[in-house]
Amino acid sequence: MRLTKSTDIALRIAMRLAVLDEDALPTTREVAEAVAVPYTHAAKVVSRLQHLGVVEARRGRGGGLVLTSAGRTGSLGLLLRELEGVGDVVGCEDEPPCPLRAACRLRGALRTAQEAFFATLDPLSIGDLVGSPTGPILLSLTGRPAD
């Protein structure tokens, strides 16, 4: 299973915010630069993370982004389910639909494997991901504009 680019960016942004002091309040542009993603992509992802309650964006002078406590300690598996969706791994109902869909055992097996993937991540949180050696590397990122 491969995560979408948006989910990858969301995890990088959340991890970067997890290692910063709550007073740091980086802008979306600063975080995008640090994790080497285009600002436009980062802005869309930050909006989604706000909607999920993972990131808080403070406006105005002295504003910026902060990882919420739910974002820091919430289930990584649950977050990935929200970001990725839990649809079928294969396109059984795509156009044209698969002729085996009515009696296929692969679809169920893949659904079980997908859930096992998420279940493996359920006990982990963003906070768990930023311990050493990852945390110090995240703190050292300064980045350049990716757009």
N, C-alpha and C. Protein backbone atom coordinates (compact mmCIF):
# COMPACT_ATOMS: atom_id res chain seq x y z
N MET A 1 0.84 -1.17 0.00
CA MET A 1 0.00 0.00 0.00
C MET A 1 0.89 1.24 0.00
N ARG A 2 0.56 2.19 -0.82
CA ARG A 2 1.33 3.42 -0.90
C ARG A 2 0.43 4.58 -0.51
N LEU A 3 0.94 5.45 0.36
CA LEU A 3 0.18 6.61 0.80
C LEU A 3 0.15 7.67 -0.29
N THR A 4 -0.90 8.45 -0.32
CA THR A 4 -0.98 9.54 -1.29
C THR A 4 0.04 10.61 -0.93
N LYS A 5 0.37 11.43 -1.90
CA LYS A 5 1.31 12.53 -1.68
C LYS A 5 0.79 13.48 -0.60
N SER A 6 -0.52 13.72 -0.59
CA SER A 6 -1.10 14.61 0.42
C SER A 6 -0.91 14.06 1.83
N THR A 7 -1.08 12.76 2.00
CA THR A 7 -0.89 12.14 3.31
C THR A 7 0.58 12.23 3.72
N ASP A 8 1.48 11.98 2.79
CA ASP A 8 2.91 12.10 3.06
C ASP A 8 3.24 13.51 3.54
N ILE A 9 2.72 14.52 2.85
CA ILE A 9 2.96 15.91 3.23
C ILE A 9 2.35 16.20 4.61
N ALA A 10 1.16 15.69 4.85
CA ALA A 10 0.50 15.91 6.15
C ALA A 10 1.34 15.34 7.29
N LEU A 11 1.88 14.15 7.10
CA LEU A 11 2.70 13.53 8.15
C LEU A 11 3.99 14.32 8.36
N ARG A 12 4.62 14.77 7.28
CA ARG A 12 5.84 15.57 7.42
C ARG A 12 5.56 16.87 8.17
N ILE A 13 4.47 17.54 7.82
CA ILE A 13 4.12 18.80 8.47
C ILE A 13 3.83 18.56 9.95
N ALA A 14 3.04 17.55 10.27
CA ALA A 14 2.71 17.26 11.67
C ALA A 14 3.96 16.92 12.46
N MET A 15 4.85 16.14 11.87
CA MET A 15 6.08 15.77 12.57
C MET A 15 6.97 17.00 12.80
N ARG A 16 7.05 17.86 11.81
CA ARG A 16 7.85 19.09 11.98
C ARG A 16 7.28 19.94 13.11
N LEU A 17 5.97 20.11 13.13
CA LEU A 17 5.35 20.91 14.19
C LEU A 17 5.52 20.25 15.55
N ALA A 18 5.56 18.93 15.58
CA ALA A 18 5.67 18.20 16.85
C ALA A 18 6.99 18.46 17.57
N VAL A 19 8.04 18.79 16.83
CA VAL A 19 9.33 19.00 17.49
C VAL A 19 9.60 20.46 17.84
N LEU A 20 8.74 21.35 17.38
CA LEU A 20 8.93 22.78 17.68
C LEU A 20 8.27 23.16 18.99
N ASP A 21 8.82 24.16 19.65
CA ASP A 21 8.18 24.72 20.83
C ASP A 21 6.84 25.31 20.43
N GLU A 22 5.87 25.27 21.34
CA GLU A 22 4.55 25.82 21.03
C GLU A 22 4.62 27.31 20.72
N ASP A 23 5.64 27.98 21.19
CA ASP A 23 5.80 29.41 20.92
C ASP A 23 6.42 29.70 19.56
N ALA A 24 6.92 28.67 18.87
CA ALA A 24 7.61 28.89 17.60
C ALA A 24 6.66 29.43 16.53
N LEU A 25 5.46 28.88 16.41
CA LEU A 25 4.42 29.32 15.48
C LEU A 25 4.94 29.62 14.07
N PRO A 26 5.47 28.62 13.38
CA PRO A 26 5.93 28.85 12.01
C PRO A 26 4.74 29.08 11.07
N THR A 27 4.99 29.76 9.98
CA THR A 27 3.96 29.94 8.97
C THR A 27 3.88 28.68 8.10
N THR A 28 2.82 28.58 7.34
CA THR A 28 2.70 27.46 6.41
C THR A 28 3.86 27.47 5.43
N ARG A 29 4.25 28.63 4.97
CA ARG A 29 5.37 28.73 4.03
C ARG A 29 6.66 28.22 4.66
N GLU A 30 6.91 28.59 5.91
CA GLU A 30 8.13 28.15 6.60
C GLU A 30 8.14 26.63 6.77
N VAL A 31 7.01 26.06 7.13
CA VAL A 31 6.94 24.62 7.30
C VAL A 31 7.11 23.93 5.95
N ALA A 32 6.48 24.47 4.91
CA ALA A 32 6.62 23.89 3.57
C ALA A 32 8.08 23.88 3.14
N GLU A 33 8.77 24.96 3.39
CA GLU A 33 10.19 25.04 3.04
C GLU A 33 11.00 24.01 3.83
N ALA A 34 10.72 23.89 5.11
CA ALA A 34 11.48 22.98 5.96
C ALA A 34 11.31 21.52 5.55
N VAL A 35 10.11 21.15 5.14
CA VAL A 35 9.88 19.75 4.78
C VAL A 35 9.93 19.52 3.27
N ALA A 36 10.39 20.55 2.53
CA ALA A 36 10.66 20.46 1.10
C ALA A 36 9.44 20.07 0.27
N VAL A 37 8.35 20.81 0.47
CA VAL A 37 7.15 20.60 -0.35
C VAL A 37 6.68 21.95 -0.87
N PRO A 38 6.00 21.97 -2.02
CA PRO A 38 5.50 23.24 -2.55
C PRO A 38 4.51 23.88 -1.58
N TYR A 39 4.58 25.19 -1.49
CA TYR A 39 3.70 25.93 -0.58
C TYR A 39 2.23 25.65 -0.88
N THR A 40 1.86 25.62 -2.16
CA THR A 40 0.45 25.42 -2.51
C THR A 40 -0.07 24.08 -2.00
N HIS A 41 0.76 23.04 -2.09
CA HIS A 41 0.36 21.73 -1.57
C HIS A 41 0.25 21.78 -0.04
N ALA A 42 1.24 22.40 0.57
CA ALA A 42 1.25 22.49 2.04
C ALA A 42 0.02 23.24 2.54
N ALA A 43 -0.37 24.31 1.86
CA ALA A 43 -1.53 25.09 2.29
C ALA A 43 -2.80 24.24 2.27
N LYS A 44 -2.97 23.45 1.23
CA LYS A 44 -4.15 22.57 1.15
C LYS A 44 -4.13 21.53 2.26
N VAL A 45 -2.96 20.97 2.51
CA VAL A 45 -2.83 19.95 3.54
C VAL A 45 -3.05 20.54 4.93
N VAL A 46 -2.51 21.72 5.18
CA VAL A 46 -2.71 22.38 6.48
C VAL A 46 -4.20 22.63 6.71
N SER A 47 -4.90 23.04 5.68
CA SER A 47 -6.34 23.26 5.80
C SER A 47 -7.04 21.96 6.20
N ARG A 48 -6.66 20.86 5.59
CA ARG A 48 -7.25 19.54 5.93
C ARG A 48 -6.90 19.16 7.36
N LEU A 49 -5.66 19.39 7.77
CA LEU A 49 -5.24 19.07 9.14
C LEU A 49 -5.99 19.93 10.16
N GLN A 50 -6.27 21.17 9.81
CA GLN A 50 -7.08 22.03 10.69
C GLN A 50 -8.47 21.44 10.83
N HIS A 51 -9.06 21.07 9.72
CA HIS A 51 -10.41 20.50 9.73
C HIS A 51 -10.47 19.24 10.60
N LEU A 52 -9.39 18.46 10.62
CA LEU A 52 -9.33 17.23 11.42
C LEU A 52 -8.96 17.50 12.88
N GLY A 53 -8.63 18.75 13.22
CA GLY A 53 -8.27 19.09 14.59
C GLY A 53 -6.84 18.74 14.97
N VAL A 54 -6.00 18.53 13.98
CA VAL A 54 -4.60 18.15 14.22
C VAL A 54 -3.72 19.38 14.35
N VAL A 55 -4.04 20.40 13.57
CA VAL A 55 -3.25 21.63 13.54
C VAL A 55 -4.18 22.80 13.83
N GLU A 56 -3.64 23.77 14.56
CA GLU A 56 -4.35 25.02 14.78
C GLU A 56 -3.56 26.12 14.08
N ALA A 57 -4.25 26.94 13.31
CA ALA A 57 -3.61 28.07 12.63
C ALA A 57 -4.05 29.34 13.32
N ARG A 58 -3.10 30.05 13.87
CA ARG A 58 -3.38 31.32 14.54
C ARG A 58 -3.10 32.44 13.56
N ARG A 59 -4.04 33.34 13.42
CA ARG A 59 -3.93 34.43 12.44
C ARG A 59 -3.34 35.69 13.06
N GLY A 60 -2.92 36.57 12.17
CA GLY A 60 -2.46 37.88 12.60
C GLY A 60 -0.99 37.92 12.97
N ARG A 61 -0.59 39.10 13.43
CA ARG A 61 0.80 39.28 13.84
C ARG A 61 1.12 38.30 14.96
N GLY A 62 2.22 37.61 14.82
CA GLY A 62 2.61 36.62 15.81
C GLY A 62 1.86 35.30 15.65
N GLY A 63 1.11 35.17 14.56
CA GLY A 63 0.37 33.93 14.33
C GLY A 63 1.23 32.89 13.66
N GLY A 64 0.64 31.75 13.42
CA GLY A 64 1.35 30.66 12.77
C GLY A 64 0.68 29.34 13.10
N LEU A 65 1.38 28.27 12.87
CA LEU A 65 0.84 26.93 13.05
C LEU A 65 1.33 26.29 14.34
N VAL A 66 0.45 25.51 14.94
CA VAL A 66 0.81 24.74 16.12
C VAL A 66 0.09 23.40 16.05
N LEU A 67 0.78 22.35 16.44
CA LEU A 67 0.17 21.03 16.51
C LEU A 67 -0.68 20.97 17.77
N THR A 68 -1.92 20.54 17.64
CA THR A 68 -2.80 20.45 18.81
C THR A 68 -2.41 19.24 19.66
N SER A 69 -2.90 19.19 20.87
CA SER A 69 -2.60 18.02 21.71
C SER A 69 -3.20 16.77 21.08
N ALA A 70 -4.38 16.89 20.46
CA ALA A 70 -4.98 15.74 19.77
C ALA A 70 -4.09 15.31 18.60
N GLY A 71 -3.49 16.27 17.92
CA GLY A 71 -2.58 15.95 16.83
C GLY A 71 -1.32 15.27 17.30
N ARG A 72 -0.85 15.65 18.47
CA ARG A 72 0.37 15.07 19.02
C ARG A 72 0.16 13.66 19.56
N THR A 73 -1.00 13.42 20.19
CA THR A 73 -1.19 12.15 20.90
C THR A 73 -2.23 11.23 20.27
N GLY A 74 -2.96 11.71 19.25
CA GLY A 74 -3.99 10.89 18.63
C GLY A 74 -3.41 9.72 17.87
N SER A 75 -4.24 8.74 17.59
CA SER A 75 -3.83 7.54 16.88
C SER A 75 -3.38 7.85 15.46
N LEU A 76 -2.19 7.39 15.13
CA LEU A 76 -1.67 7.55 13.78
C LEU A 76 -2.53 6.77 12.79
N GLY A 77 -2.96 5.57 13.16
CA GLY A 77 -3.82 4.78 12.29
C GLY A 77 -5.12 5.49 11.98
N LEU A 78 -5.72 6.11 12.99
CA LEU A 78 -6.96 6.85 12.79
C LEU A 78 -6.73 8.05 11.87
N LEU A 79 -5.63 8.76 12.09
CA LEU A 79 -5.30 9.90 11.25
C LEU A 79 -5.14 9.46 9.79
N LEU A 80 -4.43 8.36 9.58
CA LEU A 80 -4.24 7.88 8.21
C LEU A 80 -5.54 7.43 7.58
N ARG A 81 -6.42 6.82 8.35
CA ARG A 81 -7.74 6.45 7.81
C ARG A 81 -8.49 7.70 7.33
N GLU A 82 -8.40 8.77 8.12
CA GLU A 82 -9.06 10.02 7.75
C GLU A 82 -8.43 10.64 6.50
N LEU A 83 -7.12 10.64 6.45
CA LEU A 83 -6.42 11.26 5.33
C LEU A 83 -6.54 10.44 4.04
N GLU A 84 -6.45 9.13 4.17
CA GLU A 84 -6.45 8.25 3.00
C GLU A 84 -7.85 7.81 2.58
N GLY A 85 -8.75 7.77 3.54
CA GLY A 85 -10.05 7.15 3.25
C GLY A 85 -9.88 5.64 3.34
N VAL A 86 -10.96 4.95 3.45
CA VAL A 86 -10.87 3.49 3.60
C VAL A 86 -11.56 2.78 2.44
N GLY A 87 -11.47 3.37 1.27
CA GLY A 87 -12.04 2.74 0.08
C GLY A 87 -11.24 1.52 -0.34
N ASP A 88 -11.70 0.90 -1.39
CA ASP A 88 -11.02 -0.28 -1.90
C ASP A 88 -9.63 0.05 -2.40
N VAL A 89 -8.72 -0.89 -2.22
CA VAL A 89 -7.34 -0.74 -2.68
C VAL A 89 -7.30 -0.85 -4.21
N VAL A 90 -8.17 -1.65 -4.78
CA VAL A 90 -8.25 -1.82 -6.23
C VAL A 90 -9.57 -1.24 -6.73
N GLY A 91 -9.61 -0.93 -7.99
CA GLY A 91 -10.78 -0.28 -8.57
C GLY A 91 -11.82 -1.24 -9.12
N CYS A 92 -12.41 -2.03 -8.25
CA CYS A 92 -13.40 -3.02 -8.68
C CYS A 92 -14.59 -2.39 -9.40
N GLU A 93 -14.96 -1.20 -8.99
CA GLU A 93 -16.15 -0.55 -9.55
C GLU A 93 -15.79 0.56 -10.54
N ASP A 94 -14.50 0.63 -10.92
CA ASP A 94 -14.09 1.64 -11.90
C ASP A 94 -14.80 1.38 -13.23
N GLU A 95 -14.58 2.28 -14.15
CA GLU A 95 -15.16 2.12 -15.48
C GLU A 95 -14.09 1.63 -16.43
N PRO A 96 -14.17 0.53 -17.05
CA PRO A 96 -15.26 -0.44 -16.89
C PRO A 96 -15.06 -1.23 -15.60
N PRO A 97 -16.15 -1.68 -14.98
CA PRO A 97 -16.03 -2.45 -13.74
C PRO A 97 -15.38 -3.81 -14.00
N CYS A 98 -14.73 -4.32 -13.00
CA CYS A 98 -14.07 -5.62 -13.11
C CYS A 98 -15.13 -6.72 -13.28
N PRO A 99 -14.96 -7.61 -14.24
CA PRO A 99 -15.95 -8.67 -14.45
C PRO A 99 -15.97 -9.70 -13.33
N LEU A 100 -14.97 -9.69 -12.46
CA LEU A 100 -14.91 -10.67 -11.36
C LEU A 100 -15.54 -10.14 -10.07
N ARG A 101 -15.99 -8.90 -10.05
CA ARG A 101 -16.39 -8.25 -8.80
C ARG A 101 -17.48 -8.99 -8.03
N ALA A 102 -18.36 -9.68 -8.69
CA ALA A 102 -19.46 -10.37 -8.00
C ALA A 102 -18.98 -11.59 -7.21
N ALA A 103 -17.86 -12.18 -7.61
CA ALA A 103 -17.41 -13.40 -6.94
C ALA A 103 -15.91 -13.38 -6.63
N CYS A 104 -15.36 -12.21 -6.48
CA CYS A 104 -13.91 -12.09 -6.30
C CYS A 104 -13.53 -12.19 -4.82
N ARG A 105 -12.52 -12.96 -4.54
CA ARG A 105 -12.01 -13.09 -3.17
C ARG A 105 -10.86 -12.12 -2.91
N LEU A 106 -10.28 -11.58 -3.97
CA LEU A 106 -9.16 -10.65 -3.83
C LEU A 106 -9.58 -9.37 -3.12
N ARG A 107 -10.73 -8.84 -3.45
CA ARG A 107 -11.21 -7.59 -2.86
C ARG A 107 -11.27 -7.69 -1.34
N GLY A 108 -11.83 -8.77 -0.83
CA GLY A 108 -11.92 -8.96 0.62
C GLY A 108 -10.56 -9.13 1.26
N ALA A 109 -9.68 -9.87 0.59
CA ALA A 109 -8.33 -10.07 1.12
C ALA A 109 -7.57 -8.75 1.19
N LEU A 110 -7.71 -7.93 0.17
CA LEU A 110 -7.04 -6.63 0.17
C LEU A 110 -7.62 -5.70 1.21
N ARG A 111 -8.91 -5.76 1.43
CA ARG A 111 -9.55 -4.94 2.47
C ARG A 111 -9.01 -5.35 3.85
N THR A 112 -8.87 -6.67 4.07
CA THR A 112 -8.32 -7.17 5.33
C THR A 112 -6.88 -6.71 5.51
N ALA A 113 -6.09 -6.75 4.44
CA ALA A 113 -4.69 -6.32 4.51
C ALA A 113 -4.60 -4.82 4.79
N GLN A 114 -5.48 -4.05 4.16
CA GLN A 114 -5.50 -2.60 4.38
C GLN A 114 -5.82 -2.30 5.85
N GLU A 115 -6.79 -2.98 6.41
CA GLU A 115 -7.14 -2.75 7.81
C GLU A 115 -6.00 -3.16 8.74
N ALA A 116 -5.30 -4.24 8.40
CA ALA A 116 -4.14 -4.67 9.20
C ALA A 116 -3.05 -3.59 9.17
N PHE A 117 -2.88 -2.97 8.03
CA PHE A 117 -1.91 -1.87 7.89
C PHE A 117 -2.26 -0.74 8.86
N PHE A 118 -3.52 -0.30 8.80
CA PHE A 118 -3.96 0.78 9.69
C PHE A 118 -3.89 0.35 11.16
N ALA A 119 -4.29 -0.87 11.45
CA ALA A 119 -4.30 -1.37 12.83
C ALA A 119 -2.89 -1.39 13.43
N THR A 120 -1.90 -1.67 12.61
CA THR A 120 -0.51 -1.65 13.07
C THR A 120 -0.11 -0.25 13.54
N LEU A 121 -0.69 0.76 12.92
CA LEU A 121 -0.36 2.15 13.24
C LEU A 121 -1.25 2.74 14.33
N ASP A 122 -2.33 2.04 14.68
CA ASP A 122 -3.27 2.56 15.69
C ASP A 122 -2.62 2.93 17.01
N PRO A 123 -1.71 2.11 17.56
CA PRO A 123 -1.14 2.47 18.86
C PRO A 123 -0.09 3.58 18.82
N LEU A 124 0.31 4.00 17.63
CA LEU A 124 1.33 5.04 17.50
C LEU A 124 0.70 6.42 17.36
N SER A 125 1.47 7.45 17.68
CA SER A 125 1.03 8.84 17.51
C SER A 125 2.13 9.62 16.82
N ILE A 126 1.82 10.82 16.40
CA ILE A 126 2.84 11.70 15.83
C ILE A 126 3.96 11.91 16.84
N GLY A 127 3.59 12.08 18.09
CA GLY A 127 4.59 12.24 19.15
C GLY A 127 5.56 11.08 19.22
N ASP A 128 5.07 9.86 18.97
CA ASP A 128 5.94 8.68 18.97
C ASP A 128 6.94 8.71 17.83
N LEU A 129 6.58 9.33 16.74
CA LEU A 129 7.43 9.32 15.55
C LEU A 129 8.60 10.28 15.61
N VAL A 130 8.57 11.22 16.54
CA VAL A 130 9.58 12.27 16.52
C VAL A 130 10.67 12.10 17.58
N GLY A 131 10.75 10.94 18.17
CA GLY A 131 11.85 10.65 19.09
C GLY A 131 13.16 10.56 18.31
N SER A 132 14.25 10.42 19.02
CA SER A 132 15.56 10.32 18.40
C SER A 132 15.61 9.04 17.55
N PRO A 133 16.19 9.07 16.40
CA PRO A 133 17.00 10.11 15.76
C PRO A 133 16.20 11.09 14.91
N THR A 134 14.90 10.87 14.75
CA THR A 134 14.09 11.69 13.85
C THR A 134 13.95 13.12 14.35
N GLY A 135 13.67 13.31 15.63
CA GLY A 135 13.44 14.65 16.18
C GLY A 135 14.57 15.62 15.91
N PRO A 136 15.82 15.25 16.23
CA PRO A 136 16.91 16.17 15.97
C PRO A 136 17.06 16.53 14.48
N ILE A 137 16.78 15.59 13.60
CA ILE A 137 16.85 15.89 12.17
C ILE A 137 15.74 16.87 11.79
N LEU A 138 14.54 16.64 12.31
CA LEU A 138 13.44 17.57 12.04
C LEU A 138 13.76 18.98 12.53
N LEU A 139 14.41 19.07 13.66
CA LEU A 139 14.77 20.39 14.20
C LEU A 139 15.83 21.09 13.35
N SER A 140 16.66 20.32 12.68
CA SER A 140 17.74 20.91 11.89
C SER A 140 17.29 21.38 10.51
N LEU A 141 16.07 21.03 10.10
CA LEU A 141 15.59 21.40 8.77
C LEU A 141 15.33 22.90 8.67
N THR A 142 15.88 23.50 7.68
CA THR A 142 15.59 24.90 7.42
C THR A 142 14.94 25.06 6.05
N GLY A 143 15.42 24.34 5.08
CA GLY A 143 14.78 24.28 3.78
C GLY A 143 14.87 25.54 2.96
N ARG A 144 14.56 25.35 1.69
CA ARG A 144 14.43 26.44 0.74
C ARG A 144 13.08 26.31 0.09
N PRO A 145 12.58 27.37 -0.52
CA PRO A 145 11.27 27.29 -1.16
C PRO A 145 11.21 26.13 -2.15
N ALA A 146 10.10 25.37 -2.09
CA ALA A 146 9.93 24.23 -2.98
C ALA A 146 9.13 24.60 -4.21
N ASP A 147 8.57 25.82 -4.30
CA ASP A 147 7.84 26.16 -5.54
C ASP A 147 8.72 26.94 -6.47
